[in-house]
Amino acid sequence: MNLHDAKNGGKEIRRGHWTYNGQMLRVWITLYDYYIGSQDKDDPPEFRFDRKEPTYYIWFEQGSKTGSQVGGGQFSSLEAAIFQVDKVSPSKVNWEV
């Protein structure tokens, strides 16, 4: 593992990659024990406030900066996180773990 120790405290659950424009890009799904709320007063409470519950986070490797990652959202189930990765990836994701 790594991804900076699964982005500081998360546990790596899935890892995969896809090819875009001849470059292999990686994706990780990590599990944390908290959900980070938006803190936006206009959001409903279920999105606004932090809460302690298992949450799956997506991390995508940036194509222009290999080794640099960006977040792809947080989800309450592994299935929802995998669905989102498959939905936004420009080609088929090959899951390694």
C-alpha atoms as a PDB file:
ATOM      1  CA  MET A   1       0.000   0.000   0.000  1.00  0.00           C
ATOM      2  CA  ASN A   2       1.031   3.594   0.477  1.00  0.00           C
ATOM      3  CA  LEU A   3      -0.857   6.401  -1.229  1.00  0.00           C
ATOM      4  CA  HIS A   4       0.653   8.284   1.699  1.00  0.00           C
ATOM      5  CA  ASP A   5      -0.547   5.580   4.069  1.00  0.00           C
ATOM      6  CA  ALA A   6      -3.958   5.472   2.420  1.00  0.00           C
ATOM      7  CA  LYS A   7      -4.271   9.238   2.656  1.00  0.00           C
ATOM      8  CA  ASN A   8      -3.400   9.514   6.338  1.00  0.00           C
ATOM      9  CA  GLY A   9      -5.269   6.920   8.308  1.00  0.00           C
ATOM     10  CA  GLY A  10      -7.576   5.216   5.861  1.00  0.00           C
ATOM     11  CA  LYS A  11      -7.349   1.550   4.960  1.00  0.00           C
ATOM     12  CA  GLU A  12      -6.861   0.623   1.313  1.00  0.00           C
ATOM     13  CA  ILE A  13      -9.841  -1.497   0.217  1.00  0.00           C
ATOM     14  CA  ARG A  14      -9.512  -1.554  -3.587  1.00  0.00           C
ATOM     15  CA  ARG A  15      -6.794  -0.539  -6.031  1.00  0.00           C
ATOM     16  CA  GLY A  16      -6.939  -0.464  -9.783  1.00  0.00           C
ATOM     17  CA  HIS A  17      -5.867   1.339 -12.929  1.00  0.00           C
ATOM     18  CA  TRP A  18      -7.011   2.304 -16.390  1.00  0.00           C
ATOM     19  CA  THR A  19      -5.302   3.609 -19.492  1.00  0.00           C
ATOM     20  CA  TYR A  20      -5.895   7.082 -20.849  1.00  0.00           C
ATOM     21  CA  ASN A  21      -4.038   8.566 -23.789  1.00  0.00           C
ATOM     22  CA  GLY A  22      -1.381   5.866 -23.493  1.00  0.00           C
ATOM     23  CA  GLN A  23      -0.774   6.529 -19.797  1.00  0.00           C
ATOM     24  CA  MET A  24      -1.669   4.147 -16.967  1.00  0.00           C
ATOM     25  CA  LEU A  25      -3.519   5.972 -14.186  1.00  0.00           C
ATOM     26  CA  ARG A  26      -4.262   4.501 -10.774  1.00  0.00           C
ATOM     27  CA  VAL A  27      -7.294   4.693  -8.518  1.00  0.00           C
ATOM     28  CA  TRP A  28      -7.720   3.731  -4.863  1.00  0.00           C
ATOM     29  CA  ILE A  29     -10.732   3.256  -2.644  1.00  0.00           C
ATOM     30  CA  THR A  30      -9.936   3.720   1.026  1.00  0.00           C
ATOM     31  CA  LEU A  31     -12.067   3.193   4.114  1.00  0.00           C
ATOM     32  CA  TYR A  32     -12.167   5.690   6.977  1.00  0.00           C
ATOM     33  CA  ASP A  33     -14.235   5.676  10.137  1.00  0.00           C
ATOM     34  CA  TYR A  34     -15.623   9.168   9.561  1.00  0.00           C
ATOM     35  CA  TYR A  35     -17.555  11.221   7.021  1.00  0.00           C
ATOM     36  CA  ILE A  36     -16.311  14.764   6.406  1.00  0.00           C
ATOM     37  CA  GLY A  37     -19.242  17.151   6.162  1.00  0.00           C
ATOM     38  CA  SER A  38     -19.329  20.142   3.828  1.00  0.00           C
ATOM     39  CA  GLN A  39     -19.792  22.648   6.683  1.00  0.00           C
ATOM     40  CA  ASP A  40     -21.999  24.609   4.251  1.00  0.00           C
ATOM     41  CA  LYS A  41     -25.002  26.092   6.086  1.00  0.00           C
ATOM     42  CA  ASP A  42     -27.148  25.682   2.962  1.00  0.00           C
ATOM     43  CA  ASP A  43     -26.607  21.903   2.811  1.00  0.00           C
ATOM     44  CA  PRO A  44     -28.961  19.492   4.572  1.00  0.00           C
ATOM     45  CA  PRO A  45     -27.643  18.185   7.921  1.00  0.00           C
ATOM     46  CA  GLU A  46     -26.736  14.762   6.510  1.00  0.00           C
ATOM     47  CA  PHE A  47     -24.199  16.445   4.207  1.00  0.00           C
ATOM     48  CA  ARG A  48     -23.237  19.456   6.342  1.00  0.00           C
ATOM     49  CA  PHE A  49     -21.877  17.871   9.532  1.00  0.00           C
ATOM     50  CA  ASP A  50     -18.963  15.542  10.198  1.00  0.00           C
ATOM     51  CA  ARG A  51     -20.015  12.235  11.657  1.00  0.00           C
ATOM     52  CA  LYS A  52     -18.406   9.021  12.814  1.00  0.00           C
ATOM     53  CA  GLU A  53     -19.395   6.270  10.405  1.00  0.00           C
ATOM     54  CA  PRO A  54     -17.583   4.042   7.902  1.00  0.00           C
ATOM     55  CA  THR A  55     -17.009   6.000   4.678  1.00  0.00           C
ATOM     56  CA  TYR A  56     -15.335   4.953   1.426  1.00  0.00           C
ATOM     57  CA  TYR A  57     -13.186   7.580  -0.284  1.00  0.00           C
ATOM     58  CA  ILE A  58     -12.007   7.560  -3.890  1.00  0.00           C
ATOM     59  CA  TRP A  59      -8.550   8.838  -4.843  1.00  0.00           C
ATOM     60  CA  PHE A  60      -7.580   9.274  -8.509  1.00  0.00           C
ATOM     61  CA  GLU A  61      -4.058   9.707  -9.790  1.00  0.00           C
ATOM     62  CA  GLN A  62      -3.800  12.875 -11.861  1.00  0.00           C
ATOM     63  CA  GLY A  63      -2.724  12.280 -15.441  1.00  0.00           C
ATOM     64  CA  SER A  64      -0.677  15.441 -15.735  1.00  0.00           C
ATOM     65  CA  LYS A  65       1.117  14.825 -12.429  1.00  0.00           C
ATOM     66  CA  THR A  66       1.893  11.144 -11.969  1.00  0.00           C
ATOM     67  CA  GLY A  67       2.061  10.398  -8.271  1.00  0.00           C
ATOM     68  CA  SER A  68      -0.322  13.214  -7.364  1.00  0.00           C
ATOM     69  CA  GLN A  69      -3.864  12.294  -6.278  1.00  0.00           C
ATOM     70  CA  VAL A  70      -7.193  14.058  -6.206  1.00  0.00           C
ATOM     71  CA  GLY A  71     -10.284  13.043  -4.286  1.00  0.00           C
ATOM     72  CA  GLY A  72     -13.242  11.587  -6.116  1.00  0.00           C
ATOM     73  CA  GLY A  73     -15.874  11.675  -3.410  1.00  0.00           C
ATOM     74  CA  GLN A  74     -17.002   9.817  -0.323  1.00  0.00           C
ATOM     75  CA  PHE A  75     -19.590   7.058  -0.222  1.00  0.00           C
ATOM     76  CA  SER A  76     -21.435   5.018   2.370  1.00  0.00           C
ATOM     77  CA  SER A  77     -20.826   1.693   0.597  1.00  0.00           C
ATOM     78  CA  LEU A  78     -18.036   0.037  -1.347  1.00  0.00           C
ATOM     79  CA  GLU A  79     -20.488  -0.777  -4.144  1.00  0.00           C
ATOM     80  CA  ALA A  80     -21.410   2.908  -4.553  1.00  0.00           C
ATOM     81  CA  ALA A  81     -17.738   3.914  -4.657  1.00  0.00           C
ATOM     82  CA  ILE A  82     -16.913   1.266  -7.291  1.00  0.00           C
ATOM     83  CA  PHE A  83     -19.937   2.334  -9.339  1.00  0.00           C
ATOM     84  CA  GLN A  84     -18.725   5.954  -9.276  1.00  0.00           C
ATOM     85  CA  VAL A  85     -15.190   4.980 -10.332  1.00  0.00           C
ATOM     86  CA  ASP A  86     -16.541   2.937 -13.235  1.00  0.00           C
ATOM     87  CA  LYS A  87     -18.888   5.780 -14.194  1.00  0.00           C
ATOM     88  CA  VAL A  88     -16.241   8.520 -14.409  1.00  0.00           C
ATOM     89  CA  SER A  89     -13.258   6.530 -15.705  1.00  0.00           C
ATOM     90  CA  PRO A  90     -12.654   7.097 -19.424  1.00  0.00           C
ATOM     91  CA  SER A  91     -11.828   3.411 -19.992  1.00  0.00           C
ATOM     92  CA  LYS A  92     -12.352   0.091 -18.230  1.00  0.00           C
ATOM     93  CA  VAL A  93     -10.872  -0.068 -14.747  1.00  0.00           C
ATOM     94  CA  ASN A  94      -8.705  -3.115 -14.089  1.00  0.00           C
ATOM     95  CA  TRP A  95      -9.045  -3.882 -10.381  1.00  0.00           C
ATOM     96  CA  GLU A  96      -5.903  -5.373  -8.850  1.00  0.00           C
ATOM     97  CA  VAL A  97      -7.188  -5.758  -5.294  1.00  0.00           C
END
